[in-house]
Amino acid sequence: MRRLAVTTSALLVSLALLAPVALAADPDHGEGTYGPVTDKNITNAGFLVIIFFPTLVLVLSLIQWKLDQRKERRKKAAKKLAGDWHGGW
């Protein structure tokens, strides 16, 4: 168990020390996968974030509302079913 801990920690330290060297040898000169970063790209990304979160809240709220309606229908049906049955012969 001790050997595993030593090996794992040595591996993590060596990876942490080699990461800056690997990132420094960037052949694209800092250009991302989408292309060069411009003000228009940043603005469009910001608008997408602004649109995404209210839409997410709306969709999740509608799902919750539908599930609450379903729960209330099930409760009414269970109450009605329990009220109709009196038991006995």
Protein backbone atom coordinates (compact mmCIF):
# COMPACT_ATOMS: atom_id res chain seq x y z
CA MET A 1 0.00 0.00 0.00
CA ARG A 2 2.88 2.32 0.80
CA ARG A 3 4.48 1.60 -2.57
CA LEU A 4 1.25 2.58 -4.35
CA ALA A 5 1.04 5.86 -2.44
CA VAL A 6 4.66 6.73 -3.20
CA THR A 7 4.28 5.85 -6.89
CA THR A 8 1.06 7.82 -7.24
CA SER A 9 2.45 10.90 -5.53
CA ALA A 10 5.64 10.74 -7.63
CA LEU A 11 3.56 10.48 -10.79
CA LEU A 12 1.39 13.44 -9.83
CA VAL A 13 4.39 15.60 -8.96
CA SER A 14 6.13 14.75 -12.23
CA LEU A 15 2.99 15.52 -14.25
CA ALA A 16 2.54 18.81 -12.42
CA LEU A 17 6.13 19.77 -13.20
CA LEU A 18 5.92 18.76 -16.87
CA ALA A 19 2.55 20.42 -17.63
CA PRO A 20 3.93 23.95 -18.18
CA VAL A 21 6.52 22.62 -20.61
CA ALA A 22 3.87 20.80 -22.60
CA LEU A 23 1.65 23.85 -22.73
CA ALA A 24 4.51 26.15 -23.72
CA ALA A 25 5.11 24.26 -26.97
CA ASP A 26 1.84 25.44 -28.56
CA PRO A 27 2.11 25.35 -32.37
CA ASP A 28 -1.01 27.51 -32.80
CA HIS A 29 0.51 30.44 -30.90
CA GLY A 30 -2.34 30.62 -28.42
CA GLU A 31 -5.16 30.40 -30.94
CA GLY A 32 -8.10 28.32 -29.75
CA THR A 33 -10.02 25.65 -31.62
CA TYR A 34 -12.70 28.18 -32.67
CA GLY A 35 -10.18 30.62 -34.06
CA PRO A 36 -8.74 33.92 -32.91
CA VAL A 37 -10.53 35.54 -30.00
CA THR A 38 -12.25 38.76 -30.99
CA ASP A 39 -14.64 41.10 -29.24
CA LYS A 40 -17.48 39.81 -31.39
CA ASN A 41 -16.83 36.21 -30.31
CA ILE A 42 -16.81 37.20 -26.64
CA THR A 43 -20.03 39.21 -27.05
CA ASN A 44 -21.79 36.36 -28.82
CA ALA A 45 -20.67 33.90 -26.15
CA GLY A 46 -22.02 36.25 -23.48
CA PHE A 47 -25.36 36.49 -25.27
CA LEU A 48 -25.52 32.71 -25.48
CA VAL A 49 -24.97 32.48 -21.72
CA ILE A 50 -27.65 35.11 -21.12
CA ILE A 51 -30.11 33.14 -23.28
CA PHE A 52 -29.15 29.71 -21.92
CA PHE A 53 -29.74 30.21 -18.20
CA PRO A 54 -33.24 31.77 -18.33
CA THR A 55 -34.23 29.10 -20.84
CA LEU A 56 -32.89 26.41 -18.51
CA VAL A 57 -34.85 27.89 -15.59
CA LEU A 58 -38.01 28.05 -17.71
CA VAL A 59 -37.73 24.45 -18.91
CA LEU A 60 -36.99 23.08 -15.44
CA SER A 61 -39.88 25.11 -13.96
CA LEU A 62 -42.28 23.73 -16.57
CA ILE A 63 -41.13 20.19 -15.84
CA GLN A 64 -41.64 20.73 -12.11
CA TRP A 65 -45.09 22.23 -12.71
CA LYS A 66 -46.16 19.21 -14.77
CA LEU A 67 -44.82 16.81 -12.15
CA ASP A 68 -46.69 18.69 -9.40
CA GLN A 69 -49.92 18.46 -11.41
CA ARG A 70 -49.39 14.73 -11.84
CA LYS A 71 -48.72 14.33 -8.11
CA GLU A 72 -51.92 16.19 -7.21
CA ARG A 73 -53.97 14.02 -9.61
CA ARG A 74 -52.52 10.88 -8.04
CA LYS A 75 -53.30 12.17 -4.55
CA LYS A 76 -56.91 12.95 -5.53
CA ALA A 77 -57.33 9.53 -7.11
CA ALA A 78 -55.92 7.78 -4.04
CA LYS A 79 -58.15 9.81 -1.73
CA LYS A 80 -61.23 9.11 -3.83
CA LEU A 81 -60.42 5.41 -4.00
CA ALA A 82 -59.88 5.23 -0.23
CA GLY A 83 -63.14 7.11 0.41
CA ASP A 84 -65.32 4.84 -1.75
CA TRP A 85 -64.30 1.58 -0.14
CA HIS A 86 -65.88 0.81 3.22
CA GLY A 87 -64.81 -2.78 3.56
CA GLY A 88 -66.66 -5.63 5.19
CA TRP A 89 -69.22 -8.02 3.75
